[in-house]
Amino acid sequence: MTYIIAFAFLISILVFVHELGHYLAARSIGVKVERFSVGFPPRLGTFTSIPGGWRINFFFYKKNSEGKLEWQPIWSKDLQRKGKKGSGTEYCLAIIPFGGYVKVAGMVDESMDSSFSHKPYELMSKPRWQQIWFMSAGVIMNTLMAFLIYTGLALNSGAVPVSDLPIIGQVVPGAPAESSSLMPGDVIQSVNGKKISTWEGLVSEVTPRPNENIELSFLRDGKSNTVNLTTASQINVQGDTLGQIGIGPEVRAATFSESISIGVSRTAYGFGMIIYSIQMLTTGQAKFDQLGGPIMIGQLAGQAFDLGLNYYFGLMALISCNLAFLNILPIPGLDGGHIFITLIEGAIRRPLTLRTRMLIQQAGTVLLLMLMISVMINDIGRLFGG
């Protein structure tokens, strides 16, 4: 249950921030927002801006006039606010937490409306640069969120290494390192007989060896010691199984400027990992069945939560980078696909026909469904050891 809650909260926050970007961008260019939903239907509650105040509705099963149970409002109340014009926007909390959306006036692809009336508050009536600003705002918000989380973690946890030497600064409780009596201050000298002189060198020797027996030589109080241990394993967001022993380097408190620099570099590294993974897939160095989906992310979220909030929010930042990267790809149905279509219309100096837009949209939807089914199959196979 903890894993499910950790996963639901993580995804809900990421999607909320993404859709908040679209919402704020729409408001900034004068586009009418018809609905801002956190979660997917059915609705649990709505908070609607109306002339003279707000209208609140709560939904549940209730018998209709024919005596059949129907999901409908069970409680409604208007809150008065004198002089309020009311935007008509419905703010919605829905029952399925793994998503959300913003519906704006005049967004044919998103709303599946058959037409728009060229009203000044409709998105399709705005200049193309404003349309692109709206379409890219979710990606910008997810990128900004990753940067802010990484910066905050650096400020909070002292993420600046004291040196690049392989000196243990921290040991994770219950990890193989603790079970083998490794302690802060120990200096790693070798892994399986290979000499280690830097922390990066230590990481490069341990991570390729999940669930393997390794021999560590280390220096403590001027004396050399040797210990044999079995590494643990953890699956990262890209689906790679990595070895770990549960240690961290010596660190010191980061200054504000260093934290900002760390936030930028870790966000860039997050995007770099995604690009590297794609390169590995396209060159055959990695297999498609290594990709993971919701089940794997749920497992990672639960594991990160068990390790502590720093790990949990670090995972949230990394997945935020993944969400931003995925959405900016020029695939119909994603933000990048809408931007690509808008750029095409700008290049040919005329809008595409509704039929053409719908065909492109449907092709993109099929492609996304195929990808989702594939990663779900990978998840299920991994879950049952297939």
Protein backbone atom coordinates (compact mmCIF):
# COMPACT_ATOMS: atom_id res chain seq x y z
CA MET A 1 0.00 0.00 0.00
CA THR A 2 2.89 2.37 0.79
CA TYR A 3 4.30 1.81 -2.71
CA ILE A 4 0.92 2.60 -4.30
CA ILE A 5 0.52 5.81 -2.28
CA ALA A 6 4.11 6.87 -3.01
CA PHE A 7 3.58 6.25 -6.74
CA ALA A 8 0.18 7.98 -6.88
CA PHE A 9 1.49 11.06 -5.06
CA LEU A 10 4.59 11.28 -7.27
CA ILE A 11 2.67 11.00 -10.55
CA SER A 12 -0.12 13.32 -9.38
CA ILE A 13 2.36 16.06 -8.44
CA LEU A 14 4.25 15.76 -11.73
CA VAL A 15 1.08 15.85 -13.82
CA PHE A 16 -0.39 18.71 -11.76
CA VAL A 17 2.75 20.81 -12.29
CA HIS A 18 2.73 19.99 -16.02
CA GLU A 19 -0.91 20.98 -16.47
CA LEU A 20 -0.44 24.04 -14.24
CA GLY A 21 2.10 25.22 -16.80
CA HIS A 22 -0.50 24.99 -19.58
CA TYR A 23 -3.09 26.71 -17.36
CA LEU A 24 -0.84 29.65 -16.45
CA ALA A 25 0.29 30.03 -20.07
CA ALA A 26 -3.32 30.09 -21.28
CA ARG A 27 -4.21 32.76 -18.74
CA SER A 28 -1.14 34.81 -19.70
CA ILE A 29 -2.23 35.08 -23.35
CA GLY A 30 -5.94 35.58 -22.70
CA VAL A 31 -7.14 32.08 -23.67
CA LYS A 32 -10.26 30.88 -21.87
CA VAL A 33 -9.64 27.82 -19.69
CA GLU A 34 -12.80 25.70 -19.64
CA ARG A 35 -11.54 23.01 -17.27
CA PHE A 36 -8.46 22.29 -15.16
CA SER A 37 -8.64 18.70 -13.96
CA VAL A 38 -6.35 16.88 -11.57
CA GLY A 39 -6.98 13.21 -12.28
CA PHE A 40 -9.18 11.52 -14.85
CA PRO A 41 -12.99 11.04 -14.66
CA PRO A 42 -15.24 10.34 -12.95
CA ARG A 43 -15.20 13.62 -11.04
CA LEU A 44 -15.17 13.71 -7.24
CA GLY A 45 -15.59 17.45 -6.86
CA THR A 46 -15.69 20.64 -8.90
CA PHE A 47 -15.04 24.26 -8.02
CA THR A 48 -16.43 26.50 -10.79
CA SER A 49 -15.89 30.23 -11.25
CA ILE A 50 -19.33 31.76 -11.95
CA PRO A 51 -20.65 35.34 -12.07
CA GLY A 52 -20.98 36.55 -8.50
CA GLY A 53 -18.90 33.81 -6.87
CA TRP A 54 -18.12 30.10 -6.96
CA ARG A 55 -20.14 26.91 -7.38
CA ILE A 56 -19.02 23.80 -5.49
CA ASN A 57 -20.21 20.30 -6.40
CA PHE A 58 -19.41 16.90 -4.88
CA PHE A 59 -20.19 13.73 -6.85
CA PHE A 60 -21.10 10.18 -5.93
CA TYR A 61 -23.61 7.48 -6.85
CA LYS A 62 -27.22 8.60 -6.49
CA LYS A 63 -30.51 7.22 -7.79
CA ASN A 64 -31.89 9.04 -10.81
CA SER A 65 -35.56 9.56 -11.70
CA GLU A 66 -35.74 5.97 -12.97
CA GLY A 67 -34.40 4.57 -9.70
CA LYS A 68 -31.02 3.60 -11.18
CA LEU A 69 -27.72 4.49 -9.56
CA GLU A 70 -25.94 7.22 -11.46
CA TRP A 71 -22.73 9.17 -10.79
CA GLN A 72 -24.00 12.71 -10.24
CA PRO A 73 -23.79 15.68 -7.84
CA ILE A 74 -24.86 14.76 -4.31
CA TRP A 75 -24.13 18.17 -2.80
CA SER A 76 -23.98 21.63 -4.35
CA LYS A 77 -23.47 25.09 -2.95
CA ASP A 78 -22.90 28.58 -4.36
CA LEU A 79 -20.46 30.87 -2.56
CA GLN A 80 -21.22 34.53 -3.13
CA ARG A 81 -18.52 37.07 -3.88
CA LYS A 82 -19.81 40.50 -4.75
CA GLY A 83 -18.52 41.97 -8.00
CA LYS A 84 -16.90 38.76 -9.26
CA LYS A 85 -17.29 38.40 -13.03
CA GLY A 86 -16.62 34.68 -13.19
CA SER A 87 -14.38 33.07 -15.80
CA GLY A 88 -16.46 29.91 -16.23
CA THR A 89 -13.41 27.75 -15.47
CA GLU A 90 -14.19 24.45 -13.78
CA TYR A 91 -11.47 23.27 -11.39
CA CYS A 92 -11.92 19.54 -11.03
CA LEU A 93 -10.62 16.82 -8.73
CA ALA A 94 -11.19 13.43 -10.37
CA ILE A 95 -11.05 9.92 -8.97
CA ILE A 96 -8.16 8.46 -11.04
CA PRO A 97 -5.01 10.19 -9.75
CA PHE A 98 -2.58 9.15 -12.49
CA GLY A 99 -3.14 12.05 -14.85
CA GLY A 100 -4.88 15.32 -15.54
CA TYR A 101 -5.62 17.78 -18.31
CA VAL A 102 -6.39 21.39 -19.18
CA LYS A 103 -9.21 22.03 -21.67
CA VAL A 104 -9.05 25.43 -23.33
CA ALA A 105 -11.34 27.11 -25.84
CA GLY A 106 -10.40 26.64 -29.48
CA MET A 107 -7.89 23.80 -29.05
CA VAL A 108 -9.26 21.46 -31.70
CA ASP A 109 -6.75 18.63 -31.19
CA GLU A 110 -7.13 18.52 -27.42
CA SER A 111 -10.88 19.02 -27.07
CA MET A 112 -11.90 17.15 -30.24
CA ASP A 113 -14.24 20.04 -30.99
CA SER A 114 -15.34 19.99 -34.61
CA SER A 115 -14.70 23.70 -35.11
CA PHE A 116 -13.88 26.98 -33.45
CA SER A 117 -15.55 30.35 -33.91
CA HIS A 118 -12.49 32.65 -34.07
CA LYS A 119 -13.39 34.29 -30.78
CA PRO A 120 -10.50 36.34 -29.34
CA TYR A 121 -10.33 34.06 -26.27
CA GLU A 122 -9.81 30.89 -28.36
CA LEU A 123 -6.34 29.41 -28.73
CA MET A 124 -6.56 28.99 -32.52
CA SER A 125 -7.26 32.72 -32.82
CA LYS A 126 -3.94 33.60 -31.19
CA PRO A 127 -0.63 34.19 -33.03
CA ARG A 128 1.35 31.01 -33.58
CA TRP A 129 4.11 32.04 -31.18
CA GLN A 130 1.50 32.32 -28.42
CA GLN A 131 0.09 28.90 -29.35
CA ILE A 132 3.61 27.43 -29.10
CA TRP A 133 4.11 29.17 -25.74
CA PHE A 134 0.94 27.48 -24.45
CA MET A 135 1.90 24.08 -25.87
CA SER A 136 5.43 24.14 -24.45
CA ALA A 137 4.53 25.50 -21.00
CA GLY A 138 4.00 22.05 -19.45
CA VAL A 139 7.46 20.91 -20.53
CA ILE A 140 8.98 24.14 -19.21
CA MET A 141 7.26 23.65 -15.84
CA ASN A 142 8.48 20.04 -15.51
CA THR A 143 12.03 21.15 -16.33
CA LEU A 144 11.78 24.00 -13.83
CA MET A 145 10.42 21.60 -11.22
CA ALA A 146 13.37 19.23 -11.68
CA PHE A 147 15.80 22.14 -11.32
CA LEU A 148 14.09 23.44 -8.15
CA ILE A 149 14.03 19.97 -6.54
CA TYR A 150 17.68 19.32 -7.30
CA THR A 151 18.60 22.79 -6.03
CA GLY A 152 16.56 22.30 -2.86
CA LEU A 153 18.13 18.89 -2.22
CA ALA A 154 21.60 20.38 -2.62
CA LEU A 155 20.75 23.13 -0.13
CA ASN A 156 19.19 20.69 2.32
CA SER A 157 21.53 17.71 2.24
CA GLY A 158 24.99 19.14 1.64
CA ALA A 159 25.53 17.54 -1.74
CA VAL A 160 29.01 18.88 -2.51
CA PRO A 161 31.70 16.15 -2.24
CA VAL A 162 34.65 17.12 -0.04
CA SER A 163 37.00 15.40 -2.48
CA ASP A 164 37.04 12.83 -5.28
CA LEU A 165 38.86 10.31 -3.10
CA PRO A 166 37.05 6.98 -2.42
CA ILE A 167 36.45 7.83 1.24
CA ILE A 168 33.17 6.58 2.72
CA GLY A 169 31.18 9.46 4.17
CA GLN A 170 27.88 7.74 4.82
CA VAL A 171 26.54 4.19 5.07
CA VAL A 172 22.90 3.35 4.30
CA PRO A 173 21.26 1.40 7.18
CA GLY A 174 20.61 -2.23 6.27
CA ALA A 175 22.70 -2.05 3.09
CA PRO A 176 25.46 -4.57 2.22
CA ALA A 177 28.12 -2.08 3.35
CA GLU A 178 26.67 -1.87 6.86
CA SER A 179 26.26 -5.66 7.05
CA SER A 180 29.95 -5.98 6.15
CA SER A 181 30.96 -3.51 8.91
CA LEU A 182 32.16 -0.78 6.55
CA MET A 183 32.19 2.59 8.32
CA PRO A 184 32.41 6.31 7.50
CA GLY A 185 36.08 7.22 7.15
CA ASP A 186 37.09 3.95 5.50
CA VAL A 187 39.13 4.47 2.32
CA ILE A 188 38.39 1.97 -0.48
CA GLN A 189 41.63 0.75 -2.04
CA SER A 190 40.49 -1.92 -4.51
CA VAL A 191 37.50 -3.85 -5.90
CA ASN A 192 38.18 -7.46 -6.89
CA GLY A 193 41.89 -6.66 -6.92
CA LYS A 194 41.54 -3.62 -9.17
CA LYS A 195 43.09 -0.52 -7.61
CA ILE A 196 40.68 2.33 -6.86
CA SER A 197 41.88 5.93 -6.55
CA THR A 198 38.71 7.99 -7.10
CA TRP A 199 35.06 7.84 -6.06
CA GLU A 200 34.04 7.74 -9.71
CA GLY A 201 36.30 4.74 -10.22
CA LEU A 202 34.62 2.99 -7.28
CA VAL A 203 31.16 3.62 -8.72
CA SER A 204 32.21 2.36 -12.16
CA GLU A 205 33.39 -0.92 -10.62
CA VAL A 206 30.33 -1.55 -8.42
CA THR A 207 27.35 -0.50 -10.59
CA PRO A 208 27.91 -3.12 -13.35
CA ARG A 209 27.81 -5.90 -10.72
CA PRO A 210 24.28 -6.26 -9.31
CA ASN A 211 23.78 -9.23 -6.96
CA GLU A 212 27.42 -10.32 -7.28
CA ASN A 213 30.02 -11.29 -4.71
CA ILE A 214 32.86 -8.78 -4.67
CA GLU A 215 36.03 -8.32 -2.64
CA LEU A 216 36.73 -4.87 -1.22
CA SER A 217 40.05 -3.79 0.22
CA PHE A 218 39.95 -0.71 2.41
CA LEU A 219 42.12 1.31 4.75
CA ARG A 220 41.03 1.98 8.35
CA ASP A 221 43.20 3.64 10.98
CA GLY A 222 46.25 3.07 8.81
CA LYS A 223 45.63 -0.67 8.48
CA SER A 224 44.54 -2.51 5.32
CA ASN A 225 41.48 -4.75 5.57
CA THR A 226 39.57 -6.97 3.17
CA VAL A 227 35.88 -7.82 3.16
CA ASN A 228 33.69 -9.94 0.88
CA LEU A 229 30.10 -8.88 0.30
CA THR A 230 27.21 -9.38 -2.09
CA THR A 231 26.02 -6.25 -3.85
CA ALA A 232 22.38 -5.23 -3.85
CA SER A 233 20.53 -4.30 -7.03
CA GLN A 234 18.27 -1.45 -8.04
CA ILE A 235 16.49 -0.71 -11.30
CA ASN A 236 16.83 2.88 -12.47
CA VAL A 237 14.26 4.86 -14.48
CA GLN A 238 15.80 3.68 -17.76
CA GLY A 239 15.25 0.04 -16.74
CA ASP A 240 18.92 -0.77 -16.09
CA THR A 241 19.72 -3.04 -13.14
CA LEU A 242 22.59 -1.48 -11.19
CA GLY A 243 24.75 -2.84 -8.41
CA GLN A 244 25.11 -0.92 -5.17
CA ILE A 245 26.52 -1.46 -1.70
CA GLY A 246 24.87 1.44 0.12
CA ILE A 247 27.62 4.01 0.66
CA GLY A 248 28.04 7.68 -0.16
CA PRO A 249 31.04 10.04 -0.34
CA GLU A 250 32.05 12.65 2.20
CA VAL A 251 30.06 15.81 1.55
CA ARG A 252 29.81 19.32 2.93
CA ALA A 253 27.03 21.88 3.01
CA ALA A 254 26.52 23.55 -0.36
CA THR A 255 26.39 27.32 -0.70
CA PHE A 256 23.40 28.91 -2.42
CA SER A 257 25.33 29.54 -5.64
CA GLU A 258 26.70 25.99 -5.59
CA SER A 259 23.17 24.64 -5.08
CA ILE A 260 21.94 26.50 -8.16
CA SER A 261 24.88 25.15 -10.15
CA ILE A 262 24.13 21.62 -8.89
CA GLY A 263 20.46 22.08 -9.81
CA VAL A 264 21.39 23.04 -13.37
CA SER A 265 23.97 20.27 -13.80
CA ARG A 266 21.74 17.52 -12.38
CA THR A 267 18.79 18.61 -14.53
CA ALA A 268 21.06 18.59 -17.59
CA TYR A 269 22.38 15.18 -16.50
CA GLY A 270 18.80 13.90 -16.22
CA PHE A 271 18.12 14.84 -19.84
CA GLY A 272 21.53 13.49 -20.85
CA MET A 273 20.68 10.09 -19.36
CA ILE A 274 17.52 9.93 -21.48
CA ILE A 275 19.38 10.85 -24.67
CA TYR A 276 22.08 8.29 -23.86
CA SER A 277 19.44 5.59 -23.29
CA ILE A 278 17.87 6.36 -26.67
CA GLN A 279 21.29 6.12 -28.32
CA MET A 280 21.84 2.75 -26.62
CA LEU A 281 18.49 1.50 -27.94
CA THR A 282 19.03 2.73 -31.50
CA THR A 283 22.53 1.26 -31.70
CA GLY A 284 21.51 -2.10 -30.25
CA GLN A 285 23.59 -1.69 -27.07
CA ALA A 286 20.37 -1.90 -25.03
CA LYS A 287 17.22 -3.93 -25.63
CA PHE A 288 13.68 -2.58 -25.82
CA ASP A 289 12.55 -5.03 -23.14
CA GLN A 290 14.71 -3.09 -20.66
CA LEU A 291 12.31 -0.14 -20.85
CA GLY A 292 9.98 0.21 -17.89
CA GLY A 293 6.52 1.65 -17.37
CA PRO A 294 4.15 2.49 -14.51
CA ILE A 295 4.76 -0.71 -12.53
CA MET A 296 8.52 -0.21 -12.54
CA ILE A 297 8.16 3.46 -11.64
CA GLY A 298 5.82 2.44 -8.82
CA GLN A 299 8.44 0.02 -7.49
CA LEU A 300 11.13 2.70 -7.72
CA ALA A 301 8.89 5.23 -5.96
CA GLY A 302 8.25 2.83 -3.10
CA GLN A 303 11.93 1.92 -2.76
CA ALA A 304 12.98 5.58 -2.84
CA PHE A 305 10.36 6.47 -0.22
CA ASP A 306 11.68 3.70 2.05
CA LEU A 307 15.21 5.12 1.73
CA GLY A 308 14.10 8.63 2.69
CA LEU A 309 12.62 11.85 1.33
CA ASN A 310 15.88 12.94 -0.32
CA TYR A 311 15.85 9.79 -2.47
CA TYR A 312 12.12 10.12 -3.13
CA PHE A 313 12.30 13.73 -4.31
CA GLY A 314 15.44 12.96 -6.28
CA LEU A 315 13.47 10.30 -8.17
CA MET A 316 10.62 12.78 -8.64
CA ALA A 317 13.04 15.26 -10.23
CA LEU A 318 14.46 12.60 -12.56
CA ILE A 319 11.02 11.43 -13.69
CA SER A 320 10.05 15.10 -14.19
CA CYS A 321 12.96 15.33 -16.66
CA ASN A 322 11.68 12.17 -18.38
CA LEU A 323 8.15 13.58 -18.57
CA ALA A 324 9.43 16.84 -20.05
CA PHE A 325 11.57 15.03 -22.63
CA LEU A 326 8.80 12.64 -23.65
CA ASN A 327 6.27 15.44 -24.08
CA ILE A 328 8.51 17.59 -26.27
CA LEU A 329 9.03 14.79 -28.81
CA PRO A 330 7.29 15.61 -32.13
CA ILE A 331 4.77 12.79 -31.75
CA PRO A 332 1.10 13.62 -32.46
CA GLY A 333 -0.88 13.63 -29.25
CA LEU A 334 2.02 15.00 -27.23
CA ASP A 335 2.92 18.66 -26.70
CA GLY A 336 5.80 18.33 -29.14
CA GLY A 337 3.42 16.97 -31.77
CA HIS A 338 1.13 19.99 -31.41
CA ILE A 339 4.13 22.32 -31.68
CA PHE A 340 5.33 20.46 -34.79
CA ILE A 341 1.92 20.82 -36.46
CA THR A 342 1.82 24.52 -35.58
CA LEU A 343 5.28 25.01 -37.11
CA ILE A 344 4.16 23.19 -40.28
CA GLU A 345 1.15 25.50 -40.53
CA GLY A 346 3.46 28.47 -40.13
CA ALA A 347 5.74 27.16 -42.88
CA ILE A 348 2.91 26.56 -45.38
CA ARG A 349 1.12 29.76 -44.24
CA ARG A 350 -2.25 28.10 -43.81
CA PRO A 351 -3.94 25.84 -41.25
CA LEU A 352 -4.24 22.12 -41.88
CA THR A 353 -7.73 20.81 -42.51
CA LEU A 354 -9.62 19.34 -39.57
CA ARG A 355 -9.54 15.92 -41.27
CA THR A 356 -5.75 16.07 -41.62
CA ARG A 357 -5.37 17.11 -37.98
CA MET A 358 -7.57 14.25 -36.81
CA LEU A 359 -5.70 11.68 -38.93
CA ILE A 360 -2.37 12.86 -37.52
CA GLN A 361 -3.84 12.82 -34.01
CA GLN A 362 -5.18 9.29 -34.41
CA ALA A 363 -1.87 8.01 -35.80
CA GLY A 364 -0.06 9.49 -32.81
CA THR A 365 -2.57 7.97 -30.41
CA VAL A 366 -2.04 4.51 -31.92
CA LEU A 367 1.74 4.93 -31.65
CA LEU A 368 1.51 5.99 -28.00
CA LEU A 369 -0.84 3.10 -27.17
CA MET A 370 1.58 0.64 -28.77
CA LEU A 371 4.43 2.08 -26.70
CA MET A 372 2.36 1.96 -23.50
CA ILE A 373 1.33 -1.66 -24.12
CA SER A 374 4.95 -2.63 -24.83
CA VAL A 375 6.33 -1.13 -21.61
CA MET A 376 3.44 -2.64 -19.63
CA ILE A 377 4.33 -6.06 -21.04
CA ASN A 378 7.93 -5.44 -19.99
CA ASP A 379 6.73 -4.45 -16.52
CA ILE A 380 4.57 -7.55 -16.12
CA GLY A 381 7.35 -9.81 -17.37
CA ARG A 382 9.80 -8.21 -14.95
CA LEU A 383 7.28 -8.44 -12.10
CA PHE A 384 6.77 -12.18 -12.57
CA GLY A 385 10.37 -12.90 -13.40
CA GLY A 386 9.76 -13.50 -17.08
